Amino acid sequence: MSGRFVDAHAVAELLGVPASWVLESARAGTIPHRRFGRYVRFDQDEVLAWTEDCRQGGRTASLRRYASRVNGPRGALTPGGPTPKE
């Protein structure tokens, strides 16, 4: 524990999210926090460690081919582009 307690606005700025989201997450118990009476405070080091636990690995991007719709409804995609309006 670092002993550096910050409020929801400081955590929101650190994470780039609204302060309301930080407080809602604290109420839900998903983000580490301390309650001092009616005040909710966050240990900055615990929050940073929590963000590492939230990290999700990326995956290699792959392009998919989608079959174009032929003879579909008006405006549907065809190999030559949108169907002309009559």
PDB file of N, CA and C in Angstrom:
ATOM      1  N   MET A   1       0.843  -1.172   0.000  1.00  0.00           N
ATOM      2  CA  MET A   1       0.000   0.000   0.000  1.00  0.00           C
ATOM      3  C   MET A   1       0.890   1.239   0.000  1.00  0.00           C
ATOM      4  N   SER A   2       0.598   2.146  -0.884  1.00  0.00           N
ATOM      5  CA  SER A   2       1.435   3.335  -1.013  1.00  0.00           C
ATOM      6  C   SER A   2       1.074   4.403   0.008  1.00  0.00           C
ATOM      7  N   GLY A   3      -0.178   4.402   0.473  1.00  0.00           N
ATOM      8  CA  GLY A   3      -0.613   5.437   1.390  1.00  0.00           C
ATOM      9  C   GLY A   3      -1.074   6.689   0.669  1.00  0.00           C
ATOM     10  N   ARG A   4      -0.977   6.702  -0.651  1.00  0.00           N
ATOM     11  CA  ARG A   4      -1.437   7.853  -1.442  1.00  0.00           C
ATOM     12  C   ARG A   4      -2.862   7.579  -1.888  1.00  0.00           C
ATOM     13  N   PHE A   5      -3.795   8.140  -1.154  1.00  0.00           N
ATOM     14  CA  PHE A   5      -5.201   7.960  -1.479  1.00  0.00           C
ATOM     15  C   PHE A   5      -5.682   9.137  -2.311  1.00  0.00           C
ATOM     16  N   VAL A   6      -6.420   8.831  -3.368  1.00  0.00           N
ATOM     17  CA  VAL A   6      -6.947   9.855  -4.265  1.00  0.00           C
ATOM     18  C   VAL A   6      -8.452   9.664  -4.390  1.00  0.00           C
ATOM     19  N   ASP A   7      -9.119  10.705  -4.876  1.00  0.00           N
ATOM     20  CA  ASP A   7     -10.567  10.627  -5.030  1.00  0.00           C
ATOM     21  C   ASP A   7     -10.936  10.102  -6.417  1.00  0.00           C
ATOM     22  N   ALA A   8     -12.233   9.973  -6.654  1.00  0.00           N
ATOM     23  CA  ALA A   8     -12.727   9.410  -7.914  1.00  0.00           C
ATOM     24  C   ALA A   8     -12.338  10.267  -9.111  1.00  0.00           C
ATOM     25  N   HIS A   9     -12.266  11.566  -8.931  1.00  0.00           N
ATOM     26  CA  HIS A   9     -11.899  12.441 -10.047  1.00  0.00           C
ATOM     27  C   HIS A   9     -10.455  12.207 -10.487  1.00  0.00           C
ATOM     28  N   ALA A  10      -9.562  11.984  -9.538  1.00  0.00           N
ATOM     29  CA  ALA A  10      -8.163  11.710  -9.883  1.00  0.00           C
ATOM     30  C   ALA A  10      -8.030  10.367 -10.584  1.00  0.00           C
ATOM     31  N   VAL A  11      -8.776   9.366 -10.119  1.00  0.00           N
ATOM     32  CA  VAL A  11      -8.742   8.048 -10.761  1.00  0.00           C
ATOM     33  C   VAL A  11      -9.339   8.144 -12.162  1.00  0.00           C
ATOM     34  N   ALA A  12     -10.420   8.898 -12.299  1.00  0.00           N
ATOM     35  CA  ALA A  12     -11.050   9.071 -13.604  1.00  0.00           C
ATOM     36  C   ALA A  12     -10.089   9.710 -14.592  1.00  0.00           C
ATOM     37  N   GLU A  13      -9.355  10.699 -14.150  1.00  0.00           N
ATOM     38  CA  GLU A  13      -8.373  11.352 -15.019  1.00  0.00           C
ATOM     39  C   GLU A  13      -7.254  10.386 -15.392  1.00  0.00           C
ATOM     40  N   LEU A  14      -6.822   9.590 -14.419  1.00  0.00           N
ATOM     41  CA  LEU A  14      -5.764   8.616 -14.652  1.00  0.00           C
ATOM     42  C   LEU A  14      -6.191   7.567 -15.681  1.00  0.00           C
ATOM     43  N   LEU A  15      -7.443   7.110 -15.592  1.00  0.00           N
ATOM     44  CA  LEU A  15      -7.937   6.057 -16.474  1.00  0.00           C
ATOM     45  C   LEU A  15      -8.582   6.577 -17.751  1.00  0.00           C
ATOM     46  N   GLY A  16      -8.897   7.862 -17.778  1.00  0.00           N
ATOM     47  CA  GLY A  16      -9.547   8.418 -18.953  1.00  0.00           C
ATOM     48  C   GLY A  16     -11.010   8.036 -19.064  1.00  0.00           C
ATOM     49  N   VAL A  17     -11.671   7.941 -17.925  1.00  0.00           N
ATOM     50  CA  VAL A  17     -13.096   7.598 -17.875  1.00  0.00           C
ATOM     51  C   VAL A  17     -13.809   8.633 -17.015  1.00  0.00           C
ATOM     52  N   PRO A  18     -15.142   8.684 -17.064  1.00  0.00           N
ATOM     53  CA  PRO A  18     -15.876   9.623 -16.205  1.00  0.00           C
ATOM     54  C   PRO A  18     -15.783   9.241 -14.729  1.00  0.00           C
ATOM     55  N   ALA A  19     -15.829  10.221 -13.861  1.00  0.00           N
ATOM     56  CA  ALA A  19     -15.794   9.964 -12.414  1.00  0.00           C
ATOM     57  C   ALA A  19     -17.007   9.148 -11.985  1.00  0.00           C
ATOM     58  N   SER A  20     -18.138   9.336 -12.659  1.00  0.00           N
ATOM     59  CA  SER A  20     -19.339   8.557 -12.324  1.00  0.00           C
ATOM     60  C   SER A  20     -19.098   7.066 -12.554  1.00  0.00           C
ATOM     61  N   TRP A  21     -18.325   6.726 -13.593  1.00  0.00           N
ATOM     62  CA  TRP A  21     -18.003   5.320 -13.843  1.00  0.00           C
ATOM     63  C   TRP A  21     -17.139   4.756 -12.725  1.00  0.00           C
ATOM     64  N   VAL A  22     -16.190   5.554 -12.253  1.00  0.00           N
ATOM     65  CA  VAL A  22     -15.298   5.113 -11.166  1.00  0.00           C
ATOM     66  C   VAL A  22     -16.119   4.835  -9.912  1.00  0.00           C
ATOM     67  N   LEU A  23     -17.024   5.752  -9.558  1.00  0.00           N
ATOM     68  CA  LEU A  23     -17.848   5.557  -8.357  1.00  0.00           C
ATOM     69  C   LEU A  23     -18.794   4.384  -8.516  1.00  0.00           C
ATOM     70  N   GLU A  24     -19.355   4.212  -9.704  1.00  0.00           N
ATOM     71  CA  GLU A  24     -20.241   3.069  -9.952  1.00  0.00           C
ATOM     72  C   GLU A  24     -19.477   1.760  -9.831  1.00  0.00           C
ATOM     73  N   SER A  25     -18.249   1.725 -10.342  1.00  0.00           N
ATOM     74  CA  SER A  25     -17.407   0.529 -10.238  1.00  0.00           C
ATOM     75  C   SER A  25     -17.041   0.241  -8.791  1.00  0.00           C
ATOM     76  N   ALA A  26     -16.832   1.278  -8.004  1.00  0.00           N
ATOM     77  CA  ALA A  26     -16.540   1.089  -6.586  1.00  0.00           C
ATOM     78  C   ALA A  26     -17.752   0.502  -5.872  1.00  0.00           C
ATOM     79  N   ARG A  27     -18.944   1.038  -6.185  1.00  0.00           N
ATOM     80  CA  ARG A  27     -20.165   0.495  -5.574  1.00  0.00           C
ATOM     81  C   ARG A  27     -20.363  -0.968  -5.942  1.00  0.00           C
ATOM     82  N   ALA A  28     -20.015  -1.323  -7.181  1.00  0.00           N
ATOM     83  CA  ALA A  28     -20.171  -2.706  -7.639  1.00  0.00           C
ATOM     84  C   ALA A  28     -19.062  -3.612  -7.106  1.00  0.00           C
ATOM     85  N   GLY A  29     -18.004  -3.006  -6.560  1.00  0.00           N
ATOM     86  CA  GLY A  29     -16.903  -3.792  -6.004  1.00  0.00           C
ATOM     87  C   GLY A  29     -15.912  -4.281  -7.049  1.00  0.00           C
ATOM     88  N   THR A  30     -15.905  -3.675  -8.229  1.00  0.00           N
ATOM     89  CA  THR A  30     -14.994  -4.137  -9.274  1.00  0.00           C
ATOM     90  C   THR A  30     -13.650  -3.431  -9.260  1.00  0.00           C
ATOM     91  N   ILE A  31     -13.579  -2.251  -8.684  1.00  0.00           N
ATOM     92  CA  ILE A  31     -12.319  -1.510  -8.615  1.00  0.00           C
ATOM     93  C   ILE A  31     -11.928  -1.396  -7.138  1.00  0.00           C
ATOM     94  N   PRO A  32     -10.651  -1.597  -6.805  1.00  0.00           N
ATOM     95  CA  PRO A  32     -10.250  -1.528  -5.400  1.00  0.00           C
ATOM     96  C   PRO A  32     -10.433  -0.115  -4.831  1.00  0.00           C
ATOM     97  N   HIS A  33     -11.014  -0.055  -3.659  1.00  0.00           N
ATOM     98  CA  HIS A  33     -11.290   1.243  -3.029  1.00  0.00           C
ATOM     99  C   HIS A  33     -11.365   1.087  -1.521  1.00  0.00           C
ATOM    100  N   ARG A  34     -11.378   2.197  -0.826  1.00  0.00           N
ATOM    101  CA  ARG A  34     -11.554   2.241   0.634  1.00  0.00           C
ATOM    102  C   ARG A  34     -12.685   3.204   0.929  1.00  0.00           C
ATOM    103  N   ARG A  35     -13.429   2.910   1.944  1.00  0.00           N
ATOM    104  CA  ARG A  35     -14.515   3.790   2.347  1.00  0.00           C
ATOM    105  C   ARG A  35     -14.160   4.353   3.726  1.00  0.00           C
ATOM    106  N   PHE A  36     -14.141   5.664   3.801  1.00  0.00           N
ATOM    107  CA  PHE A  36     -13.901   6.381   5.051  1.00  0.00           C
ATOM    108  C   PHE A  36     -15.173   7.159   5.355  1.00  0.00           C
ATOM    109  N   GLY A  37     -16.094   6.508   6.052  1.00  0.00           N
ATOM    110  CA  GLY A  37     -17.390   7.133   6.279  1.00  0.00           C
ATOM    111  C   GLY A  37     -18.112   7.281   4.962  1.00  0.00           C
ATOM    112  N   ARG A  38     -18.462   8.496   4.610  1.00  0.00           N
ATOM    113  CA  ARG A  38     -19.142   8.717   3.332  1.00  0.00           C
ATOM    114  C   ARG A  38     -18.177   8.969   2.184  1.00  0.00           C
ATOM    115  N   TYR A  39     -16.894   9.007   2.478  1.00  0.00           N
ATOM    116  CA  TYR A  39     -15.888   9.280   1.449  1.00  0.00           C
ATOM    117  C   TYR A  39     -15.343   7.983   0.866  1.00  0.00           C
ATOM    118  N   VAL A  40     -15.191   7.952  -0.445  1.00  0.00           N
ATOM    119  CA  VAL A  40     -14.600   6.809  -1.140  1.00  0.00           C
ATOM    120  C   VAL A  40     -13.254   7.272  -1.669  1.00  0.00           C
ATOM    121  N   ARG A  41     -12.218   6.535  -1.321  1.00  0.00           N
ATOM    122  CA  ARG A  41     -10.870   6.875  -1.772  1.00  0.00           C
ATOM    123  C   ARG A  41     -10.217   5.649  -2.386  1.00  0.00           C
ATOM    124  N   PHE A  42      -9.235   5.920  -3.233  1.00  0.00           N
ATOM    125  CA  PHE A  42      -8.574   4.867  -3.991  1.00  0.00           C
ATOM    126  C   PHE A  42      -7.076   4.971  -3.787  1.00  0.00           C
ATOM    127  N   ASP A  43      -6.429   3.834  -3.507  1.00  0.00           N
ATOM    128  CA  ASP A  43      -4.976   3.781  -3.424  1.00  0.00           C
ATOM    129  C   ASP A  43      -4.464   3.759  -4.861  1.00  0.00           C
ATOM    130  N   GLN A  44      -3.689   4.752  -5.230  1.00  0.00           N
ATOM    131  CA  GLN A  44      -3.255   4.908  -6.616  1.00  0.00           C
ATOM    132  C   GLN A  44      -2.489   3.684  -7.110  1.00  0.00           C
ATOM    133  N   ASP A  45      -1.607   3.106  -6.271  1.00  0.00           N
ATOM    134  CA  ASP A  45      -0.845   1.928  -6.687  1.00  0.00           C
ATOM    135  C   ASP A  45      -1.750   0.715  -6.887  1.00  0.00           C
ATOM    136  N   GLU A  46      -2.760   0.554  -6.031  1.00  0.00           N
ATOM    137  CA  GLU A  46      -3.700  -0.556  -6.189  1.00  0.00           C
ATOM    138  C   GLU A  46      -4.503  -0.419  -7.473  1.00  0.00           C
ATOM    139  N   VAL A  47      -4.885   0.792  -7.803  1.00  0.00           N
ATOM    140  CA  VAL A  47      -5.644   1.022  -9.038  1.00  0.00           C
ATOM    141  C   VAL A  47      -4.781   0.684 -10.251  1.00  0.00           C
ATOM    142  N   LEU A  48      -3.524   1.103 -10.229  1.00  0.00           N
ATOM    143  CA  LEU A  48      -2.631   0.786 -11.346  1.00  0.00           C
ATOM    144  C   LEU A  48      -2.399  -0.719 -11.468  1.00  0.00           C
ATOM    145  N   ALA A  49      -2.261  -1.409 -10.337  1.00  0.00           N
ATOM    146  CA  ALA A  49      -2.112  -2.866 -10.369  1.00  0.00           C
ATOM    147  C   ALA A  49      -3.390  -3.515 -10.907  1.00  0.00           C
ATOM    148  N   TRP A  50      -4.543  -2.966 -10.531  1.00  0.00           N
ATOM    149  CA  TRP A  50      -5.826  -3.479 -11.008  1.00  0.00           C
ATOM    150  C   TRP A  50      -5.942  -3.333 -12.525  1.00  0.00           C
ATOM    151  N   THR A  51      -5.424  -2.230 -13.074  1.00  0.00           N
ATOM    152  CA  THR A  51      -5.481  -2.048 -14.525  1.00  0.00           C
ATOM    153  C   THR A  51      -4.667  -3.116 -15.248  1.00  0.00           C
ATOM    154  N   GLU A  52      -3.587  -3.573 -14.640  1.00  0.00           N
ATOM    155  CA  GLU A  52      -2.801  -4.655 -15.242  1.00  0.00           C
ATOM    156  C   GLU A  52      -3.602  -5.957 -15.251  1.00  0.00           C
ATOM    157  N   ASP A  53      -4.388  -6.190 -14.194  1.00  0.00           N
ATOM    158  CA  ASP A  53      -5.238  -7.382 -14.145  1.00  0.00           C
ATOM    159  C   ASP A  53      -6.336  -7.313 -15.204  1.00  0.00           C
ATOM    160  N   CYS A  54      -6.724  -6.106 -15.596  1.00  0.00           N
ATOM    161  CA  CYS A  54      -7.780  -5.927 -16.592  1.00  0.00           C
ATOM    162  C   CYS A  54      -7.264  -6.061 -18.013  1.00  0.00           C
ATOM    163  N   ARG A  55      -5.972  -6.140 -18.170  1.00  0.00           N
ATOM    164  CA  ARG A  55      -5.384  -6.192 -19.511  1.00  0.00           C
ATOM    165  C   ARG A  55      -5.875  -7.431 -20.243  1.00  0.00           C
ATOM    166  N   GLN A  56      -6.271  -7.233 -21.491  1.00  0.00           N
ATOM    167  CA  GLN A  56      -6.696  -8.345 -22.329  1.00  0.00           C
ATOM    168  C   GLN A  56      -5.752  -8.416 -23.510  1.00  0.00           C
ATOM    169  N   GLY A  57      -5.312  -9.611 -23.808  1.00  0.00           N
ATOM    170  CA  GLY A  57      -4.407  -9.780 -24.933  1.00  0.00           C
ATOM    171  C   GLY A  57      -5.102  -9.517 -26.245  1.00  0.00           C
ATOM    172  N   GLY A  58      -4.370  -8.945 -27.148  1.00  0.00           N
ATOM    173  CA  GLY A  58      -4.913  -8.702 -28.478  1.00  0.00           C
ATOM    174  C   GLY A  58      -4.792  -9.943 -29.330  1.00  0.00           C
ATOM    175  N   ARG A  59      -5.350  -9.873 -30.508  1.00  0.00           N
ATOM    176  CA  ARG A  59      -5.212 -10.983 -31.429  1.00  0.00           C
ATOM    177  C   ARG A  59      -4.818 -10.432 -32.790  1.00  0.00           C
ATOM    178  N   THR A  60      -4.266 -11.274 -33.585  1.00  0.00           N
ATOM    179  CA  THR A  60      -3.844 -10.865 -34.906  1.00  0.00           C
ATOM    180  C   THR A  60      -5.071 -10.548 -35.747  1.00  0.00           C
ATOM    181  N   ALA A  61      -5.013  -9.445 -36.427  1.00  0.00           N
ATOM    182  CA  ALA A  61      -6.135  -9.057 -37.281  1.00  0.00           C
ATOM    183  C   ALA A  61      -6.147  -9.934 -38.517  1.00  0.00           C
ATOM    184  N   SER A  62      -7.332 -10.371 -38.895  1.00  0.00           N
ATOM    185  CA  SER A  62      -7.478 -11.134 -40.129  1.00  0.00           C
ATOM    186  C   SER A  62      -8.668 -10.574 -40.891  1.00  0.00           C
ATOM    187  N   LEU A  63      -8.510 -10.486 -42.188  1.00  0.00           N
ATOM    188  CA  LEU A  63      -9.580  -9.965 -43.015  1.00  0.00           C
ATOM    189  C   LEU A  63     -10.477 -11.105 -43.452  1.00  0.00           C
ATOM    190  N   ARG A  64     -11.779 -10.862 -43.378  1.00  0.00           N
ATOM    191  CA  ARG A  64     -12.735 -11.865 -43.828  1.00  0.00           C
ATOM    192  C   ARG A  64     -13.365 -11.396 -45.120  1.00  0.00           C
ATOM    193  N   ARG A  65     -13.665 -12.331 -45.961  1.00  0.00           N
ATOM    194  CA  ARG A  65     -14.378 -12.019 -47.194  1.00  0.00           C
ATOM    195  C   ARG A  65     -15.851 -12.243 -46.954  1.00  0.00           C
ATOM    196  N   TYR A  66     -16.625 -11.298 -47.334  1.00  0.00           N
ATOM    197  CA  TYR A  66     -18.070 -11.423 -47.230  1.00  0.00           C
ATOM    198  C   TYR A  66     -18.632 -11.581 -48.635  1.00  0.00           C
ATOM    199  N   ALA A  67     -19.522 -12.529 -48.796  1.00  0.00           N
ATOM    200  CA  ALA A  67     -20.166 -12.742 -50.097  1.00  0.00           C
ATOM    201  C   ALA A  67     -21.121 -11.587 -50.352  1.00  0.00           C
ATOM    202  N   SER A  68     -21.038 -11.018 -51.535  1.00  0.00           N
ATOM    203  CA  SER A  68     -21.952  -9.932 -51.856  1.00  0.00           C
ATOM    204  C   SER A  68     -23.322 -10.514 -52.171  1.00  0.00           C
ATOM    205  N   ARG A  69     -24.354  -9.732 -51.897  1.00  0.00           N
ATOM    206  CA  ARG A  69     -25.725 -10.182 -52.153  1.00  0.00           C
ATOM    207  C   ARG A  69     -26.086  -9.833 -53.594  1.00  0.00           C
ATOM    208  N   VAL A  70     -26.432 -10.820 -54.351  1.00  0.00           N
ATOM    209  CA  VAL A  70     -26.824 -10.617 -55.734  1.00  0.00           C
ATOM    210  C   VAL A  70     -28.325 -10.865 -55.834  1.00  0.00           C
ATOM    211  N   ASN A  71     -29.001 -10.034 -56.621  1.00  0.00           N
ATOM    212  CA  ASN A  71     -30.449 -10.149 -56.818  1.00  0.00           C
ATOM    213  C   ASN A  71     -31.215  -9.970 -55.516  1.00  0.00           C
ATOM    214  N   GLY A  72     -30.675  -9.184 -54.637  1.00  0.00           N
ATOM    215  CA  GLY A  72     -31.338  -8.918 -53.362  1.00  0.00           C
ATOM    216  C   GLY A  72     -32.341  -7.792 -53.492  1.00  0.00           C
ATOM    217  N   PRO A  73     -32.834  -7.279 -52.394  1.00  0.00           N
ATOM    218  CA  PRO A  73     -33.794  -6.180 -52.435  1.00  0.00           C
ATOM    219  C   PRO A  73     -33.152  -4.919 -53.002  1.00  0.00           C
ATOM    220  N   ARG A  74     -33.985  -3.981 -53.400  1.00  0.00           N
ATOM    221  CA  ARG A  74     -33.503  -2.726 -53.987  1.00  0.00           C
ATOM    222  C   ARG A  74     -32.473  -2.091 -53.055  1.00  0.00           C
ATOM    223  N   GLY A  75     -31.356  -1.679 -53.603  1.00  0.00           N
ATOM    224  CA  GLY A  75     -30.301  -1.054 -52.822  1.00  0.00           C
ATOM    225  C   GLY A  75     -29.319  -2.049 -52.240  1.00  0.00           C
ATOM    226  N   ALA A  76     -29.554  -3.357 -52.474  1.00  0.00           N
ATOM    227  CA  ALA A  76     -28.633  -4.362 -51.948  1.00  0.00           C
ATOM    228  C   ALA A  76     -27.326  -4.297 -52.713  1.00  0.00           C
ATOM    229  N   LEU A  77     -26.301  -4.798 -52.101  1.00  0.00           N
ATOM    230  CA  LEU A  77     -24.997  -4.791 -52.754  1.00  0.00           C
ATOM    231  C   LEU A  77     -24.950  -5.842 -53.840  1.00  0.00           C
ATOM    232  N   THR A  78     -24.421  -5.481 -54.968  1.00  0.00           N
ATOM    233  CA  THR A  78     -24.197  -6.413 -56.063  1.00  0.00           C
ATOM    234  C   THR A  78     -22.740  -6.294 -56.457  1.00  0.00           C
ATOM    235  N   PRO A  79     -22.236  -7.204 -57.292  1.00  0.00           N
ATOM    236  CA  PRO A  79     -20.828  -7.107 -57.653  1.00  0.00           C
ATOM    237  C   PRO A  79     -20.435  -5.771 -58.264  1.00  0.00           C
ATOM    238  N   GLY A  80     -21.378  -5.063 -58.909  1.00  0.00           N
ATOM    239  CA  GLY A  80     -21.044  -3.805 -59.538  1.00  0.00           C
ATOM    240  C   GLY A  80     -21.371  -2.602 -58.681  1.00  0.00           C
ATOM    241  N   GLY A  81     -21.832  -2.791 -57.454  1.00  0.00           N
ATOM    242  CA  GLY A  81     -22.213  -1.684 -56.586  1.00  0.00           C
ATOM    243  C   GLY A  81     -23.692  -1.727 -56.299  1.00  0.00           C
ATOM    244  N   PRO A  82     -24.246  -0.660 -55.743  1.00  0.00           N
ATOM    245  CA  PRO A  82     -25.659  -0.645 -55.405  1.00  0.00           C
ATOM    246  C   PRO A  82     -26.527  -0.731 -56.662  1.00  0.00           C
ATOM    247  N   THR A  83     -27.677  -1.358 -56.500  1.00  0.00           N
ATOM    248  CA  THR A  83     -28.611  -1.476 -57.600  1.00  0.00           C
ATOM    249  C   THR A  83     -29.176  -0.104 -57.931  1.00  0.00           C
ATOM    250  N   PRO A  84     -29.210   0.272 -59.218  1.00  0.00           N
ATOM    251  CA  PRO A  84     -29.763   1.596 -59.560  1.00  0.00           C
ATOM    252  C   PRO A  84     -31.252   1.645 -59.257  1.00  0.00           C
ATOM    253  N   LYS A  85     -31.720   2.817 -58.831  1.00  0.00           N
ATOM    254  CA  LYS A  85     -33.140   2.984 -58.502  1.00  0.00           C
ATOM    255  C   LYS A  85     -33.942   3.156 -59.773  1.00  0.00           C
ATOM    256  N   GLU A  86     -35.099   2.563 -59.825  1.00  0.00           N
ATOM    257  CA  GLU A  86     -35.959   2.626 -61.015  1.00  0.00           C
ATOM    258  C   GLU A  86     -36.964   3.732 -60.889  1.00  0.00           C
TER     259      GLU A  86
END
